[in-house]
Amino acid sequence: MKLDSVFSTKHGLVIGLVVTSVFAFIARYMSIETVNKNELCFYEEKAKEQLPMALGNTGLINFLYFTNDELVYICDVDENTESIAGLKSDLKQTRNLCMLSLFLQKERANALFSLLAKYNKGLKVIYKGRNDSVAIKFHPEEIKDFALQKNETKKFALENIEYYINKQNALCPIKSSDTLTLVLLKLDKTSLFYYYTIDEGQGFSINSLKVDSTHSELFPVLNNRAVRPECLKAAVAGLGIKFVFTSAQTAQQKVFTLNNDELVGLLLNQTKRK
């Protein structure tokens, strides 16, 4: 029986409609897949043009790519200030800080999570050291939550800071170095305060503390392991940082202030300056 005679029968008409529908579905599916791939390829191409990109103050994202299931970031860790062993020692904390680091650049983060949510993709961040690495994964459902609850990130960061302050103040005074002792942390509506005493009897003068317009002298303080995560949280929470240094011998004080814009800029750019 010829094909045209099949379609001329009643049953043939049904078969013809089914075949036509199947081909229409396949064509539509292939069209959608093409659009999906084109948009993801376009994002990948544009994102690569912006690399390297600081991931908080832990390291630099130097490479990225899509798999079938997720977007993968490769972050080269600055092992002068962080170690892979340190990141592995508290994976929950590392995961939280990774998420907050992504939210530092609000517009980019919103676009990223919206795109990943749209295509049901997860996100993997591989922190890479000289001899070791550790991966942090965010599943598609978590990505969708990030995309829908943008304002919750600020609240999350603030709650973490409040918990940290209560925990650290219970341990103060905490000796940070031979000359520096952390005595108090405090929070107001605009800033997170760190109060330190300086022992000038160790041959260090409080008058030697100076900060230029780049705030580069604050890098060692910001990169202290006890301070670094809270600076990141403060930045995401919309807060600034204030460091209050007081001489243990003379009670002379020096205060260094970073508003939120300066803090975010410093966290995003300091890794590139090293």
C-alpha atoms as a PDB file:
ATOM      1  CA  MET A   1       0.000   0.000   0.000  1.00  0.00           C
ATOM      2  CA  LYS A   2       1.304   3.416  -0.943  1.00  0.00           C
ATOM      3  CA  LEU A   3       1.862   6.100   1.649  1.00  0.00           C
ATOM      4  CA  ASP A   4      -0.655   8.487   0.072  1.00  0.00           C
ATOM      5  CA  SER A   5      -3.362   5.831   0.134  1.00  0.00           C
ATOM      6  CA  VAL A   6      -2.728   5.227   3.838  1.00  0.00           C
ATOM      7  CA  PHE A   7      -3.349   8.873   4.581  1.00  0.00           C
ATOM      8  CA  SER A   8      -6.484   8.838   2.445  1.00  0.00           C
ATOM      9  CA  THR A   9      -8.172   6.333   4.779  1.00  0.00           C
ATOM     10  CA  LYS A  10      -9.802   7.176   8.085  1.00  0.00           C
ATOM     11  CA  HIS A  11      -7.151   5.311  10.066  1.00  0.00           C
ATOM     12  CA  GLY A  12      -4.495   6.784   7.855  1.00  0.00           C
ATOM     13  CA  LEU A  13      -5.695  10.272   8.700  1.00  0.00           C
ATOM     14  CA  VAL A  14      -5.296   9.549  12.408  1.00  0.00           C
ATOM     15  CA  ILE A  15      -1.837   8.113  11.824  1.00  0.00           C
ATOM     16  CA  GLY A  16      -0.949  11.143   9.750  1.00  0.00           C
ATOM     17  CA  LEU A  17      -2.053  13.526  12.482  1.00  0.00           C
ATOM     18  CA  VAL A  18      -0.045  11.593  15.076  1.00  0.00           C
ATOM     19  CA  VAL A  19       3.059  11.598  12.891  1.00  0.00           C
ATOM     20  CA  THR A  20       2.646  15.299  12.198  1.00  0.00           C
ATOM     21  CA  SER A  21       2.222  16.027  15.914  1.00  0.00           C
ATOM     22  CA  VAL A  22       5.313  14.011  16.784  1.00  0.00           C
ATOM     23  CA  PHE A  23       7.410  15.866  14.222  1.00  0.00           C
ATOM     24  CA  ALA A  24       6.015  19.201  15.448  1.00  0.00           C
ATOM     25  CA  PHE A  25       6.908  18.285  19.028  1.00  0.00           C
ATOM     26  CA  ILE A  26      10.423  17.236  18.038  1.00  0.00           C
ATOM     27  CA  ALA A  27      10.925  20.447  16.070  1.00  0.00           C
ATOM     28  CA  ARG A  28       9.639  22.544  18.972  1.00  0.00           C
ATOM     29  CA  TYR A  29      11.810  20.656  21.471  1.00  0.00           C
ATOM     30  CA  MET A  30      14.903  21.059  19.295  1.00  0.00           C
ATOM     31  CA  SER A  31      14.116  24.752  18.900  1.00  0.00           C
ATOM     32  CA  ILE A  32      13.821  25.199  22.680  1.00  0.00           C
ATOM     33  CA  GLU A  33      17.045  23.279  23.238  1.00  0.00           C
ATOM     34  CA  THR A  34      18.824  25.469  20.696  1.00  0.00           C
ATOM     35  CA  VAL A  35      17.602  28.637  22.411  1.00  0.00           C
ATOM     36  CA  ASN A  36      18.631  27.245  25.813  1.00  0.00           C
ATOM     37  CA  LYS A  37      22.116  26.363  24.597  1.00  0.00           C
ATOM     38  CA  ASN A  38      22.488  29.700  22.861  1.00  0.00           C
ATOM     39  CA  GLU A  39      21.606  31.657  25.994  1.00  0.00           C
ATOM     40  CA  LEU A  40      23.892  29.573  28.209  1.00  0.00           C
ATOM     41  CA  CYS A  41      26.734  29.809  25.679  1.00  0.00           C
ATOM     42  CA  PHE A  42      26.235  33.566  25.475  1.00  0.00           C
ATOM     43  CA  TYR A  43      26.383  33.849  29.288  1.00  0.00           C
ATOM     44  CA  GLU A  44      29.499  31.657  29.464  1.00  0.00           C
ATOM     45  CA  GLU A  45      31.231  33.710  26.775  1.00  0.00           C
ATOM     46  CA  LYS A  46      30.410  37.048  28.441  1.00  0.00           C
ATOM     47  CA  ALA A  47      31.273  35.764  31.930  1.00  0.00           C
ATOM     48  CA  LYS A  48      34.688  34.549  30.759  1.00  0.00           C
ATOM     49  CA  GLU A  49      35.425  38.035  29.429  1.00  0.00           C
ATOM     50  CA  GLN A  50      35.083  39.373  32.988  1.00  0.00           C
ATOM     51  CA  LEU A  51      37.565  36.932  34.525  1.00  0.00           C
ATOM     52  CA  PRO A  52      39.470  36.891  36.771  1.00  0.00           C
ATOM     53  CA  MET A  53      36.756  37.641  39.328  1.00  0.00           C
ATOM     54  CA  ALA A  54      37.356  37.868  43.074  1.00  0.00           C
ATOM     55  CA  LEU A  55      35.351  35.426  45.183  1.00  0.00           C
ATOM     56  CA  GLY A  56      35.112  37.428  48.388  1.00  0.00           C
ATOM     57  CA  ASN A  57      38.639  37.645  49.767  1.00  0.00           C
ATOM     58  CA  THR A  58      39.456  33.944  49.428  1.00  0.00           C
ATOM     59  CA  GLY A  59      40.760  33.865  45.873  1.00  0.00           C
ATOM     60  CA  LEU A  60      40.117  34.464  42.187  1.00  0.00           C
ATOM     61  CA  ILE A  61      37.754  32.711  39.802  1.00  0.00           C
ATOM     62  CA  ASN A  62      39.947  32.198  36.750  1.00  0.00           C
ATOM     63  CA  PHE A  63      37.856  29.708  34.782  1.00  0.00           C
ATOM     64  CA  LEU A  64      34.217  28.613  34.402  1.00  0.00           C
ATOM     65  CA  TYR A  65      32.211  26.207  32.271  1.00  0.00           C
ATOM     66  CA  PHE A  66      28.792  24.560  32.005  1.00  0.00           C
ATOM     67  CA  THR A  67      28.104  20.825  32.288  1.00  0.00           C
ATOM     68  CA  ASN A  68      24.725  19.196  31.660  1.00  0.00           C
ATOM     69  CA  ASP A  69      23.763  19.747  35.286  1.00  0.00           C
ATOM     70  CA  GLU A  70      25.613  22.773  36.609  1.00  0.00           C
ATOM     71  CA  LEU A  71      27.826  25.794  36.198  1.00  0.00           C
ATOM     72  CA  VAL A  72      31.351  25.186  37.492  1.00  0.00           C
ATOM     73  CA  TYR A  73      33.627  27.908  38.867  1.00  0.00           C
ATOM     74  CA  ILE A  74      37.347  27.228  39.382  1.00  0.00           C
ATOM     75  CA  CYS A  75      38.647  29.462  42.172  1.00  0.00           C
ATOM     76  CA  ASP A  76      42.413  29.691  42.740  1.00  0.00           C
ATOM     77  CA  VAL A  77      42.856  30.179  46.483  1.00  0.00           C
ATOM     78  CA  ASP A  78      45.274  32.778  47.820  1.00  0.00           C
ATOM     79  CA  GLU A  79      47.172  30.444  50.169  1.00  0.00           C
ATOM     80  CA  ASN A  80      48.927  33.367  51.820  1.00  0.00           C
ATOM     81  CA  THR A  81      45.651  34.132  53.595  1.00  0.00           C
ATOM     82  CA  GLU A  82      43.675  30.884  53.353  1.00  0.00           C
ATOM     83  CA  SER A  83      44.380  27.168  53.029  1.00  0.00           C
ATOM     84  CA  ILE A  84      42.433  24.307  51.498  1.00  0.00           C
ATOM     85  CA  ALA A  85      42.782  22.487  54.820  1.00  0.00           C
ATOM     86  CA  GLY A  86      41.173  25.474  56.537  1.00  0.00           C
ATOM     87  CA  LEU A  87      38.288  25.477  54.046  1.00  0.00           C
ATOM     88  CA  LYS A  88      37.806  21.728  54.538  1.00  0.00           C
ATOM     89  CA  SER A  89      37.858  21.993  58.334  1.00  0.00           C
ATOM     90  CA  ASP A  90      34.437  23.669  58.459  1.00  0.00           C
ATOM     91  CA  LEU A  91      32.545  22.943  55.234  1.00  0.00           C
ATOM     92  CA  LYS A  92      29.317  24.508  56.503  1.00  0.00           C
ATOM     93  CA  GLN A  93      31.106  27.799  57.170  1.00  0.00           C
ATOM     94  CA  THR A  94      32.925  27.572  53.821  1.00  0.00           C
ATOM     95  CA  ARG A  95      29.607  26.962  52.068  1.00  0.00           C
ATOM     96  CA  ASN A  96      27.973  29.960  53.766  1.00  0.00           C
ATOM     97  CA  LEU A  97      30.905  32.229  52.934  1.00  0.00           C
ATOM     98  CA  CYS A  98      30.942  30.994  49.339  1.00  0.00           C
ATOM     99  CA  MET A  99      27.263  31.903  48.954  1.00  0.00           C
ATOM    100  CA  LEU A 100      27.775  35.312  50.581  1.00  0.00           C
ATOM    101  CA  SER A 101      30.815  35.960  48.363  1.00  0.00           C
ATOM    102  CA  LEU A 102      28.660  35.421  45.292  1.00  0.00           C
ATOM    103  CA  PHE A 103      26.088  37.891  46.617  1.00  0.00           C
ATOM    104  CA  LEU A 104      28.724  40.611  47.082  1.00  0.00           C
ATOM    105  CA  GLN A 105      28.109  41.671  43.502  1.00  0.00           C
ATOM    106  CA  LYS A 106      24.345  42.014  43.787  1.00  0.00           C
ATOM    107  CA  GLU A 107      23.358  42.608  40.149  1.00  0.00           C
ATOM    108  CA  ARG A 108      25.670  39.901  38.834  1.00  0.00           C
ATOM    109  CA  ALA A 109      24.462  37.454  41.502  1.00  0.00           C
ATOM    110  CA  ASN A 110      20.804  38.128  40.738  1.00  0.00           C
ATOM    111  CA  ALA A 111      21.387  37.589  37.014  1.00  0.00           C
ATOM    112  CA  LEU A 112      23.411  34.422  37.671  1.00  0.00           C
ATOM    113  CA  PHE A 113      20.890  32.769  39.994  1.00  0.00           C
ATOM    114  CA  SER A 114      17.941  33.742  37.771  1.00  0.00           C
ATOM    115  CA  LEU A 115      19.655  32.171  34.750  1.00  0.00           C
ATOM    116  CA  LEU A 116      20.574  28.962  36.605  1.00  0.00           C
ATOM    117  CA  ALA A 117      17.068  28.692  38.083  1.00  0.00           C
ATOM    118  CA  LYS A 118      15.519  29.176  34.628  1.00  0.00           C
ATOM    119  CA  TYR A 119      17.423  26.180  33.254  1.00  0.00           C
ATOM    120  CA  ASN A 120      17.322  24.083  36.436  1.00  0.00           C
ATOM    121  CA  LYS A 121      21.115  24.151  36.825  1.00  0.00           C
ATOM    122  CA  GLY A 122      23.165  23.771  39.962  1.00  0.00           C
ATOM    123  CA  LEU A 123      26.418  25.535  40.836  1.00  0.00           C
ATOM    124  CA  LYS A 124      29.751  24.016  41.844  1.00  0.00           C
ATOM    125  CA  VAL A 125      32.656  26.097  43.156  1.00  0.00           C
ATOM    126  CA  ILE A 126      36.005  24.289  43.182  1.00  0.00           C
ATOM    127  CA  TYR A 127      38.534  25.946  45.500  1.00  0.00           C
ATOM    128  CA  LYS A 128      41.930  25.004  44.113  1.00  0.00           C
ATOM    129  CA  GLY A 129      45.225  25.209  45.989  1.00  0.00           C
ATOM    130  CA  ARG A 130      48.736  24.227  44.978  1.00  0.00           C
ATOM    131  CA  ASN A 131      48.341  20.581  45.989  1.00  0.00           C
ATOM    132  CA  ASP A 132      44.719  20.103  46.995  1.00  0.00           C
ATOM    133  CA  SER A 133      41.187  21.249  46.304  1.00  0.00           C
ATOM    134  CA  VAL A 134      37.694  21.245  47.790  1.00  0.00           C
ATOM    135  CA  ALA A 135      34.334  21.557  46.021  1.00  0.00           C
ATOM    136  CA  ILE A 136      31.204  23.302  47.269  1.00  0.00           C
ATOM    137  CA  LYS A 137      27.921  22.416  45.537  1.00  0.00           C
ATOM    138  CA  PHE A 138      24.581  24.205  45.393  1.00  0.00           C
ATOM    139  CA  HIS A 139      21.743  22.093  43.996  1.00  0.00           C
ATOM    140  CA  PRO A 140      19.125  23.470  41.563  1.00  0.00           C
ATOM    141  CA  GLU A 141      16.459  23.778  44.273  1.00  0.00           C
ATOM    142  CA  GLU A 142      18.816  25.871  46.407  1.00  0.00           C
ATOM    143  CA  ILE A 143      19.607  28.064  43.397  1.00  0.00           C
ATOM    144  CA  LYS A 144      15.878  28.673  42.899  1.00  0.00           C
ATOM    145  CA  ASP A 145      15.602  29.719  46.550  1.00  0.00           C
ATOM    146  CA  PHE A 146      18.511  32.150  46.089  1.00  0.00           C
ATOM    147  CA  ALA A 147      16.800  33.606  43.005  1.00  0.00           C
ATOM    148  CA  LEU A 148      13.461  34.055  44.770  1.00  0.00           C
ATOM    149  CA  GLN A 149      14.678  35.211  48.196  1.00  0.00           C
ATOM    150  CA  LYS A 150      17.217  37.878  47.312  1.00  0.00           C
ATOM    151  CA  ASN A 151      16.439  40.008  50.380  1.00  0.00           C
ATOM    152  CA  GLU A 152      16.868  37.039  52.716  1.00  0.00           C
ATOM    153  CA  THR A 153      20.621  36.987  52.084  1.00  0.00           C
ATOM    154  CA  LYS A 154      21.081  40.316  53.891  1.00  0.00           C
ATOM    155  CA  LYS A 155      19.047  39.032  56.832  1.00  0.00           C
ATOM    156  CA  PHE A 156      21.051  35.795  56.890  1.00  0.00           C
ATOM    157  CA  ALA A 157      24.350  37.707  56.955  1.00  0.00           C
ATOM    158  CA  LEU A 158      23.146  39.984  59.762  1.00  0.00           C
ATOM    159  CA  GLU A 159      21.962  37.073  61.911  1.00  0.00           C
ATOM    160  CA  ASN A 160      25.349  35.405  61.439  1.00  0.00           C
ATOM    161  CA  ILE A 161      27.132  38.577  62.571  1.00  0.00           C
ATOM    162  CA  GLU A 162      24.982  38.872  65.706  1.00  0.00           C
ATOM    163  CA  TYR A 163      25.713  35.244  66.595  1.00  0.00           C
ATOM    164  CA  TYR A 164      29.433  35.772  66.007  1.00  0.00           C
ATOM    165  CA  ILE A 165      29.532  38.922  68.187  1.00  0.00           C
ATOM    166  CA  ASN A 166      27.915  37.159  71.135  1.00  0.00           C
ATOM    167  CA  LYS A 167      30.255  34.192  70.764  1.00  0.00           C
ATOM    168  CA  GLN A 168      33.434  36.267  70.424  1.00  0.00           C
ATOM    169  CA  ASN A 169      32.615  38.735  73.200  1.00  0.00           C
ATOM    170  CA  ALA A 170      32.273  35.803  75.585  1.00  0.00           C
ATOM    171  CA  LEU A 171      35.890  34.875  74.719  1.00  0.00           C
ATOM    172  CA  CYS A 172      37.388  38.394  74.830  1.00  0.00           C
ATOM    173  CA  PRO A 173      40.062  39.532  75.399  1.00  0.00           C
ATOM    174  CA  ILE A 174      41.577  37.580  72.500  1.00  0.00           C
ATOM    175  CA  LYS A 175      45.250  38.068  71.687  1.00  0.00           C
ATOM    176  CA  SER A 176      45.607  38.553  67.936  1.00  0.00           C
ATOM    177  CA  SER A 177      49.383  39.129  67.955  1.00  0.00           C
ATOM    178  CA  ASP A 178      52.207  40.210  70.302  1.00  0.00           C
ATOM    179  CA  THR A 179      50.986  43.812  70.129  1.00  0.00           C
ATOM    180  CA  LEU A 180      47.277  43.500  69.315  1.00  0.00           C
ATOM    181  CA  THR A 181      44.407  42.282  71.528  1.00  0.00           C
ATOM    182  CA  LEU A 182      40.731  42.176  70.550  1.00  0.00           C
ATOM    183  CA  VAL A 183      38.674  43.399  73.525  1.00  0.00           C
ATOM    184  CA  LEU A 184      35.154  43.973  72.183  1.00  0.00           C
ATOM    185  CA  LEU A 185      32.865  43.698  69.162  1.00  0.00           C
ATOM    186  CA  LYS A 186      29.806  45.864  68.721  1.00  0.00           C
ATOM    187  CA  LEU A 187      27.110  46.396  66.111  1.00  0.00           C
ATOM    188  CA  ASP A 188      25.040  49.458  65.259  1.00  0.00           C
ATOM    189  CA  LYS A 189      22.762  50.276  62.316  1.00  0.00           C
ATOM    190  CA  THR A 190      25.617  51.148  59.980  1.00  0.00           C
ATOM    191  CA  SER A 191      28.771  49.355  61.127  1.00  0.00           C
ATOM    192  CA  LEU A 192      30.443  46.392  62.752  1.00  0.00           C
ATOM    193  CA  PHE A 193      32.988  47.649  65.331  1.00  0.00           C
ATOM    194  CA  TYR A 194      36.241  45.938  66.302  1.00  0.00           C
ATOM    195  CA  TYR A 195      37.908  47.330  69.432  1.00  0.00           C
ATOM    196  CA  TYR A 196      41.587  46.519  69.878  1.00  0.00           C
ATOM    197  CA  THR A 197      44.212  47.488  72.434  1.00  0.00           C
ATOM    198  CA  ILE A 198      47.786  47.999  71.273  1.00  0.00           C
ATOM    199  CA  ASP A 199      50.744  47.227  73.521  1.00  0.00           C
ATOM    200  CA  GLU A 200      53.197  49.990  72.658  1.00  0.00           C
ATOM    201  CA  GLY A 201      55.689  48.429  75.045  1.00  0.00           C
ATOM    202  CA  GLN A 202      56.520  45.952  72.293  1.00  0.00           C
ATOM    203  CA  GLY A 203      58.250  48.672  70.273  1.00  0.00           C
ATOM    204  CA  PHE A 204      55.149  49.502  68.232  1.00  0.00           C
ATOM    205  CA  SER A 205      53.659  52.999  68.189  1.00  0.00           C
ATOM    206  CA  ILE A 206      49.959  53.682  67.628  1.00  0.00           C
ATOM    207  CA  ASN A 207      51.046  56.759  65.648  1.00  0.00           C
ATOM    208  CA  SER A 208      52.486  54.460  62.994  1.00  0.00           C
ATOM    209  CA  LEU A 209      48.955  53.363  62.092  1.00  0.00           C
ATOM    210  CA  LYS A 210      48.024  55.203  58.922  1.00  0.00           C
ATOM    211  CA  VAL A 211      45.557  54.440  56.160  1.00  0.00           C
ATOM    212  CA  ASP A 212      45.741  55.960  52.681  1.00  0.00           C
ATOM    213  CA  SER A 213      42.901  56.368  50.212  1.00  0.00           C
ATOM    214  CA  THR A 214      43.294  52.770  48.942  1.00  0.00           C
ATOM    215  CA  HIS A 215      42.993  51.329  52.483  1.00  0.00           C
ATOM    216  CA  SER A 216      45.720  48.859  51.500  1.00  0.00           C
ATOM    217  CA  GLU A 217      47.199  49.007  55.024  1.00  0.00           C
ATOM    218  CA  LEU A 218      44.009  47.350  56.276  1.00  0.00           C
ATOM    219  CA  PHE A 219      44.575  44.236  54.127  1.00  0.00           C
ATOM    220  CA  PRO A 220      46.423  42.356  56.912  1.00  0.00           C
ATOM    221  CA  VAL A 221      43.604  43.152  59.357  1.00  0.00           C
ATOM    222  CA  LEU A 222      40.870  42.201  56.893  1.00  0.00           C
ATOM    223  CA  ASN A 223      42.692  38.992  56.026  1.00  0.00           C
ATOM    224  CA  ASN A 224      43.033  37.859  59.626  1.00  0.00           C
ATOM    225  CA  ARG A 225      41.174  34.537  59.771  1.00  0.00           C
ATOM    226  CA  ALA A 226      39.072  35.709  62.706  1.00  0.00           C
ATOM    227  CA  VAL A 227      38.050  38.917  60.915  1.00  0.00           C
ATOM    228  CA  ARG A 228      37.816  37.948  57.237  1.00  0.00           C
ATOM    229  CA  PRO A 229      34.464  36.054  57.326  1.00  0.00           C
ATOM    230  CA  GLU A 230      32.775  38.821  59.314  1.00  0.00           C
ATOM    231  CA  CYS A 231      33.966  41.514  56.896  1.00  0.00           C
ATOM    232  CA  LEU A 232      32.319  39.532  54.114  1.00  0.00           C
ATOM    233  CA  LYS A 233      29.094  39.147  56.087  1.00  0.00           C
ATOM    234  CA  ALA A 234      29.088  42.848  56.956  1.00  0.00           C
ATOM    235  CA  ALA A 235      29.511  43.756  53.297  1.00  0.00           C
ATOM    236  CA  VAL A 236      26.553  41.602  52.238  1.00  0.00           C
ATOM    237  CA  ALA A 237      24.441  42.894  55.163  1.00  0.00           C
ATOM    238  CA  GLY A 238      24.923  46.461  53.935  1.00  0.00           C
ATOM    239  CA  LEU A 239      27.211  47.425  56.827  1.00  0.00           C
ATOM    240  CA  GLY A 240      30.588  49.089  57.058  1.00  0.00           C
ATOM    241  CA  ILE A 241      33.489  48.218  59.391  1.00  0.00           C
ATOM    242  CA  LYS A 242      35.133  50.330  62.074  1.00  0.00           C
ATOM    243  CA  PHE A 243      38.445  49.423  63.704  1.00  0.00           C
ATOM    244  CA  VAL A 244      39.091  51.237  66.982  1.00  0.00           C
ATOM    245  CA  PHE A 245      42.700  50.930  68.192  1.00  0.00           C
ATOM    246  CA  THR A 246      43.549  52.107  71.738  1.00  0.00           C
ATOM    247  CA  SER A 247      47.036  52.319  73.244  1.00  0.00           C
ATOM    248  CA  ALA A 248      47.275  50.238  76.429  1.00  0.00           C
ATOM    249  CA  GLN A 249      49.888  52.704  77.728  1.00  0.00           C
ATOM    250  CA  THR A 250      48.432  56.136  76.864  1.00  0.00           C
ATOM    251  CA  ALA A 251      44.746  55.436  76.008  1.00  0.00           C
ATOM    252  CA  GLN A 252      45.308  57.301  72.728  1.00  0.00           C
ATOM    253  CA  GLN A 253      42.871  56.142  70.076  1.00  0.00           C
ATOM    254  CA  LYS A 254      42.833  55.807  66.311  1.00  0.00           C
ATOM    255  CA  VAL A 255      39.678  54.903  64.394  1.00  0.00           C
ATOM    256  CA  PHE A 256      39.638  53.583  60.834  1.00  0.00           C
ATOM    257  CA  THR A 257      36.313  53.457  59.008  1.00  0.00           C
ATOM    258  CA  LEU A 258      35.215  51.648  55.870  1.00  0.00           C
ATOM    259  CA  ASN A 259      31.666  52.388  54.740  1.00  0.00           C
ATOM    260  CA  ASN A 260      29.779  49.632  52.925  1.00  0.00           C
ATOM    261  CA  ASP A 261      30.751  50.754  49.411  1.00  0.00           C
ATOM    262  CA  GLU A 262      34.430  50.951  50.384  1.00  0.00           C
ATOM    263  CA  LEU A 263      34.292  47.562  52.111  1.00  0.00           C
ATOM    264  CA  VAL A 264      32.628  45.853  49.143  1.00  0.00           C
ATOM    265  CA  GLY A 265      35.109  47.474  46.750  1.00  0.00           C
ATOM    266  CA  LEU A 266      38.037  46.406  48.897  1.00  0.00           C
ATOM    267  CA  LEU A 267      36.845  42.798  49.179  1.00  0.00           C
ATOM    268  CA  LEU A 268      36.248  42.594  45.435  1.00  0.00           C
ATOM    269  CA  ASN A 269      39.555  44.155  44.433  1.00  0.00           C
ATOM    270  CA  GLN A 270      42.160  43.380  47.091  1.00  0.00           C
ATOM    271  CA  THR A 271      42.897  39.875  45.762  1.00  0.00           C
ATOM    272  CA  LYS A 272      43.752  41.330  42.350  1.00  0.00           C
ATOM    273  CA  ARG A 273      46.236  43.758  43.919  1.00  0.00           C
ATOM    274  CA  LYS A 274      48.349  41.054  45.526  1.00  0.00           C
END
